[in-house]
N, C-alpha and C. Protein backbone atom coordinates (compact mmCIF):
# COMPACT_ATOMS: atom_id res chain seq x y z
N MET A 1 0.52 27.37 3.30
CA MET A 1 1.27 27.02 2.12
C MET A 1 0.35 26.24 1.17
N VAL A 2 0.37 26.59 -0.07
CA VAL A 2 -0.46 25.93 -1.07
C VAL A 2 0.37 24.85 -1.74
N ARG A 3 -0.20 23.65 -1.81
CA ARG A 3 0.48 22.54 -2.49
C ARG A 3 -0.04 22.44 -3.90
N ILE A 4 0.88 22.25 -4.82
CA ILE A 4 0.50 22.09 -6.22
C ILE A 4 0.74 20.64 -6.60
N ALA A 5 -0.30 20.02 -7.16
CA ALA A 5 -0.21 18.61 -7.53
C ALA A 5 0.72 18.42 -8.72
N LYS A 6 1.39 17.28 -8.72
CA LYS A 6 2.23 16.92 -9.86
C LYS A 6 1.33 16.60 -11.04
N LYS A 7 1.87 16.73 -12.24
CA LYS A 7 1.11 16.32 -13.41
C LYS A 7 0.95 14.82 -13.37
N SER A 8 -0.23 14.36 -13.74
CA SER A 8 -0.48 12.93 -13.71
C SER A 8 0.04 12.26 -14.98
N ASP A 9 0.46 11.02 -14.81
CA ASP A 9 0.97 10.22 -15.92
C ASP A 9 -0.14 9.26 -16.34
N PRO A 10 -0.75 9.48 -17.50
CA PRO A 10 -1.88 8.63 -17.92
C PRO A 10 -1.52 7.14 -17.99
N ARG A 11 -0.29 6.82 -18.37
CA ARG A 11 0.11 5.41 -18.43
C ARG A 11 0.15 4.80 -17.04
N ARG A 12 0.67 5.55 -16.08
CA ARG A 12 0.74 5.07 -14.70
C ARG A 12 -0.66 4.89 -14.12
N ILE A 13 -1.54 5.83 -14.39
CA ILE A 13 -2.91 5.74 -13.91
C ILE A 13 -3.61 4.52 -14.50
N ALA A 14 -3.42 4.28 -15.80
CA ALA A 14 -4.02 3.11 -16.45
C ALA A 14 -3.49 1.82 -15.84
N GLU A 15 -2.18 1.80 -15.55
CA GLU A 15 -1.56 0.62 -14.93
C GLU A 15 -2.17 0.35 -13.55
N LEU A 16 -2.33 1.39 -12.77
CA LEU A 16 -2.90 1.24 -11.43
C LEU A 16 -4.37 0.82 -11.48
N LYS A 17 -5.13 1.36 -12.43
CA LYS A 17 -6.53 0.95 -12.58
C LYS A 17 -6.62 -0.53 -12.92
N LYS A 18 -5.73 -0.99 -13.78
CA LYS A 18 -5.72 -2.41 -14.16
C LYS A 18 -5.41 -3.28 -12.94
N LYS A 19 -4.43 -2.86 -12.13
CA LYS A 19 -4.05 -3.62 -10.95
C LYS A 19 -5.19 -3.68 -9.93
N ILE A 20 -5.87 -2.58 -9.75
CA ILE A 20 -6.91 -2.53 -8.73
C ILE A 20 -8.12 -3.38 -9.11
N ARG A 21 -8.29 -3.67 -10.39
CA ARG A 21 -9.37 -4.56 -10.83
C ARG A 21 -8.99 -6.03 -10.71
N ASP A 22 -7.72 -6.30 -10.49
CA ASP A 22 -7.22 -7.68 -10.40
C ASP A 22 -7.33 -8.15 -8.94
N GLN A 23 -8.27 -9.04 -8.69
CA GLN A 23 -8.54 -9.49 -7.32
C GLN A 23 -7.32 -10.13 -6.67
N THR A 24 -6.53 -10.87 -7.44
CA THR A 24 -5.32 -11.50 -6.90
C THR A 24 -4.33 -10.44 -6.44
N TYR A 25 -4.16 -9.40 -7.23
CA TYR A 25 -3.25 -8.31 -6.87
C TYR A 25 -3.71 -7.65 -5.56
N VAL A 26 -4.99 -7.35 -5.49
CA VAL A 26 -5.54 -6.69 -4.29
C VAL A 26 -5.39 -7.60 -3.07
N ASP A 27 -5.70 -8.89 -3.23
CA ASP A 27 -5.56 -9.83 -2.11
C ASP A 27 -4.11 -9.90 -1.63
N ASP A 28 -3.18 -9.96 -2.57
CA ASP A 28 -1.75 -10.01 -2.21
C ASP A 28 -1.32 -8.73 -1.51
N ALA A 29 -1.80 -7.60 -2.00
CA ALA A 29 -1.45 -6.32 -1.39
C ALA A 29 -1.97 -6.24 0.05
N ILE A 30 -3.19 -6.68 0.26
CA ILE A 30 -3.78 -6.68 1.60
C ILE A 30 -3.00 -7.62 2.52
N GLN A 31 -2.62 -8.78 2.00
CA GLN A 31 -1.84 -9.74 2.78
C GLN A 31 -0.50 -9.14 3.21
N LYS A 32 0.17 -8.45 2.29
CA LYS A 32 1.46 -7.83 2.61
C LYS A 32 1.30 -6.76 3.69
N ILE A 33 0.23 -5.97 3.57
CA ILE A 33 -0.02 -4.93 4.58
C ILE A 33 -0.28 -5.56 5.94
N ALA A 34 -1.09 -6.62 5.96
CA ALA A 34 -1.39 -7.30 7.23
C ALA A 34 -0.13 -7.90 7.86
N GLN A 35 0.72 -8.51 7.03
CA GLN A 35 1.97 -9.07 7.55
C GLN A 35 2.87 -7.98 8.12
N ARG A 36 2.95 -6.86 7.43
CA ARG A 36 3.79 -5.75 7.89
C ARG A 36 3.28 -5.20 9.22
N LEU A 37 1.96 -5.02 9.30
CA LEU A 37 1.37 -4.52 10.54
C LEU A 37 1.59 -5.49 11.70
N SER A 38 1.40 -6.77 11.43
CA SER A 38 1.61 -7.78 12.47
C SER A 38 3.05 -7.76 12.95
N SER A 39 3.97 -7.68 12.02
CA SER A 39 5.39 -7.64 12.36
C SER A 39 5.72 -6.41 13.21
N GLU A 40 5.16 -5.28 12.83
CA GLU A 40 5.40 -4.03 13.59
C GLU A 40 4.82 -4.15 14.99
N LEU A 41 3.63 -4.74 15.10
CA LEU A 41 3.02 -4.89 16.42
C LEU A 41 3.85 -5.81 17.32
N VAL A 42 4.31 -6.92 16.77
CA VAL A 42 5.13 -7.86 17.54
C VAL A 42 6.42 -7.17 17.98
N SER A 43 7.04 -6.43 17.08
CA SER A 43 8.28 -5.73 17.41
C SER A 43 8.06 -4.70 18.51
N SER A 44 6.95 -3.95 18.42
CA SER A 44 6.70 -2.93 19.43
C SER A 44 6.40 -3.54 20.79
N LYS A 45 5.74 -4.71 20.81
CA LYS A 45 5.45 -5.38 22.07
C LYS A 45 6.74 -5.89 22.71
N ARG A 46 7.66 -6.37 21.88
CA ARG A 46 8.95 -6.86 22.41
C ARG A 46 9.74 -5.71 23.03
N LEU A 47 9.68 -4.54 22.40
CA LEU A 47 10.41 -3.38 22.92
C LEU A 47 9.78 -2.87 24.22
N ALA A 48 8.46 -3.01 24.35
CA ALA A 48 7.77 -2.53 25.53
C ALA A 48 8.03 -3.42 26.74
N ASN A 49 8.35 -4.67 26.50
CA ASN A 49 8.55 -5.59 27.63
C ASN A 49 9.96 -5.60 28.10
């Protein structure tokens, strides 16, 4: 099956480029991902025991 990409939104792309250059935004995003992963790991360990 061939996937066809959606048309890109130049405004959305510009917004994302701006965010990715913002070190505070990137740091916060990484922190949220780490917290989510930690929470998932703790939950899975509780279920395993």
